[in-house]
Amino acid sequence: MFKVRAATPSDSHALQEIFRTNIENAEWLPELARVSDFAKSSEGELVFVASSSDEEVVGFVSVQADGSFIHHLYVHSDFQNKGIGRSLLSSLQQWLPVPWRLKCVRKNQSALSFYLRNDWREAGSGESKDGPYVVLEWHRKLTVS
């Protein structure tokens, strides 16, 4: 069982490791874009973690509350496909107004598939240093099963 809570300073090492590992293994991301400093990348954002029953941080979401923008959503590779990403997003419903938005690099097929399976819809597109991306938007209530 996993619970979602606000990140604390004691979570910083686990957050950095999950972020670094995911970024380093992101084959869809250009080599020069693989900057893996989570604290710098999420500065000023609200961060929530999913933790296991023994308090191990297994995933996180970082949010720019102004604009309801989801900046990062990562789950430790050993815990993927267990509903953790969905639980992290679902926890935001308590306080983050919809619509929510995010950008997803088109080559990141795993993430893009996850969002589309969970009722996110394309609201725009663009080009960045990371390559072509899609802007996704979500309006409905999530349910966690």
Protein backbone atom coordinates (compact mmCIF):
# COMPACT_ATOMS: atom_id res chain seq x y z
CA MET A 1 0.00 0.00 0.00
CA PHE A 2 1.22 3.50 -0.81
CA LYS A 3 0.34 6.86 0.64
CA VAL A 4 0.76 10.32 -0.84
CA ARG A 5 2.04 13.19 1.28
CA ALA A 6 3.80 16.51 0.92
CA ALA A 7 7.54 16.14 0.44
CA THR A 8 9.78 17.05 3.35
CA PRO A 9 13.46 18.06 3.38
CA SER A 10 14.35 14.52 4.47
CA ASP A 11 12.99 13.25 1.13
CA SER A 12 15.49 15.25 -0.94
CA HIS A 13 17.97 12.41 -1.47
CA ALA A 14 15.26 9.96 -2.60
CA LEU A 15 13.70 12.58 -4.88
CA GLN A 16 17.07 13.32 -6.46
CA GLU A 17 17.81 9.63 -7.02
CA ILE A 18 14.45 8.87 -8.64
CA PHE A 19 14.76 11.97 -10.83
CA ARG A 20 18.40 11.27 -11.79
CA THR A 21 17.73 7.64 -12.66
CA ASN A 22 14.69 8.46 -14.77
CA ILE A 23 16.43 11.30 -16.62
CA GLU A 24 19.59 9.28 -17.25
CA ASN A 25 17.51 6.42 -18.69
CA ALA A 26 15.30 8.68 -20.81
CA GLU A 27 16.35 7.50 -24.27
CA TRP A 28 13.75 9.87 -25.75
CA LEU A 29 15.54 12.87 -24.26
CA PRO A 30 18.50 14.43 -26.13
CA GLU A 31 21.80 13.80 -24.35
CA LEU A 32 22.40 17.52 -23.69
CA ALA A 33 18.99 17.84 -22.03
CA ARG A 34 19.66 15.16 -19.42
CA VAL A 35 20.20 17.63 -16.59
CA SER A 36 19.48 15.75 -13.42
CA ASP A 37 19.38 18.30 -10.60
CA PHE A 38 15.88 17.87 -9.21
CA ALA A 39 16.11 20.70 -6.65
CA LYS A 40 17.04 23.19 -9.34
CA SER A 41 14.52 21.83 -11.84
CA SER A 42 11.63 22.01 -9.38
CA GLU A 43 12.50 25.25 -7.60
CA GLY A 44 9.35 27.04 -6.42
CA GLU A 45 7.11 24.05 -7.10
CA LEU A 46 4.97 22.03 -4.73
CA VAL A 47 6.20 18.44 -4.46
CA PHE A 48 4.26 15.41 -3.25
CA VAL A 49 5.67 11.93 -2.77
CA ALA A 50 4.26 8.43 -2.79
CA SER A 51 5.76 6.37 -0.01
CA SER A 52 5.55 2.69 0.80
CA SER A 53 4.43 1.26 4.13
CA ASP A 54 8.04 1.46 5.34
CA GLU A 55 8.20 5.15 4.29
CA GLU A 56 10.41 4.55 1.24
CA VAL A 57 9.78 7.25 -1.36
CA VAL A 58 8.80 5.46 -4.57
CA GLY A 59 7.54 8.33 -6.73
CA PHE A 60 6.73 12.02 -6.85
CA VAL A 61 4.86 14.77 -8.63
CA SER A 62 5.93 18.41 -8.75
CA VAL A 63 3.42 21.11 -9.56
CA GLN A 64 3.48 24.76 -10.51
CA ALA A 65 0.29 25.68 -8.66
CA ASP A 66 -0.12 28.92 -10.57
CA GLY A 67 -1.62 27.64 -13.79
CA SER A 68 -2.24 24.08 -12.51
CA PHE A 69 0.82 22.84 -14.41
CA ILE A 70 2.25 19.38 -13.72
CA HIS A 71 6.00 19.73 -14.22
CA HIS A 72 7.39 16.34 -13.16
CA LEU A 73 5.84 12.95 -12.49
CA TYR A 74 8.29 10.12 -11.89
CA VAL A 75 8.06 6.71 -10.28
CA HIS A 76 10.99 4.54 -9.22
CA SER A 77 11.52 1.87 -11.90
CA ASP A 78 10.93 -0.98 -9.41
CA PHE A 79 7.45 0.41 -8.64
CA GLN A 80 6.13 1.36 -12.07
CA ASN A 81 2.80 0.00 -13.33
CA LYS A 82 1.39 -0.30 -9.81
CA GLY A 83 -0.95 2.73 -9.89
CA ILE A 84 1.46 5.09 -8.15
CA GLY A 85 1.50 7.75 -10.90
CA ARG A 86 -2.28 7.71 -10.99
CA SER A 87 -2.44 7.99 -7.17
CA LEU A 88 -0.06 10.94 -7.19
CA LEU A 89 -2.21 12.76 -9.74
CA SER A 90 -5.43 11.83 -7.99
CA SER A 91 -4.16 13.36 -4.74
CA LEU A 92 -3.99 16.77 -6.44
CA GLN A 93 -7.78 16.88 -6.83
CA GLN A 94 -8.11 18.01 -3.23
CA TRP A 95 -6.59 21.41 -3.93
CA LEU A 96 -5.43 21.95 -7.54
CA PRO A 97 -8.10 23.49 -9.79
CA VAL A 98 -8.76 22.00 -13.21
CA PRO A 99 -7.94 22.05 -15.99
CA TRP A 100 -4.50 20.66 -15.33
CA ARG A 101 -1.85 20.97 -18.02
CA LEU A 102 1.51 19.45 -18.81
CA LYS A 103 3.98 19.12 -21.65
CA CYS A 104 5.10 15.69 -22.82
CA VAL A 105 7.86 15.13 -25.36
CA ARG A 106 6.32 13.13 -28.19
CA LYS A 107 9.17 10.61 -28.19
CA ASN A 108 8.33 9.75 -24.56
CA GLN A 109 5.79 7.16 -25.68
CA SER A 110 5.50 5.51 -22.28
CA ALA A 111 4.44 8.75 -20.57
CA LEU A 112 2.24 9.83 -23.46
CA SER A 113 0.41 6.49 -23.39
CA PHE A 114 -0.05 6.76 -19.61
CA TYR A 115 -1.65 10.19 -19.86
CA LEU A 116 -3.89 9.31 -22.79
CA ARG A 117 -5.10 6.15 -20.99
CA ASN A 118 -6.02 8.37 -18.04
CA ASP A 119 -8.25 10.78 -19.98
CA TRP A 120 -5.76 13.53 -20.75
CA ARG A 121 -6.42 15.19 -24.11
CA GLU A 122 -4.18 17.03 -26.54
CA ALA A 123 -4.63 20.81 -26.23
CA GLY A 124 -1.67 21.99 -28.29
CA SER A 125 1.84 21.22 -29.43
CA GLY A 126 5.19 22.84 -29.91
CA GLU A 127 8.91 22.43 -30.29
CA SER A 128 11.55 22.74 -27.56
CA LYS A 129 15.22 21.94 -27.08
CA ASP A 130 13.99 18.46 -26.03
CA GLY A 131 12.16 17.95 -29.33
CA PRO A 132 8.52 18.13 -30.41
CA TYR A 133 6.06 18.04 -27.51
CA VAL A 134 2.35 17.86 -26.94
CA VAL A 135 0.46 19.98 -24.43
CA LEU A 136 -1.99 17.76 -22.58
CA GLU A 137 -4.96 18.89 -20.55
CA TRP A 138 -7.14 17.09 -18.03
CA HIS A 139 -10.61 18.15 -16.84
CA ARG A 140 -12.30 15.20 -15.13
CA LYS A 141 -12.08 13.59 -11.72
CA LEU A 142 -9.62 10.72 -11.40
CA THR A 143 -10.56 7.61 -9.51
CA VAL A 144 -8.03 5.27 -8.03
CA SER A 145 -8.88 1.59 -8.04
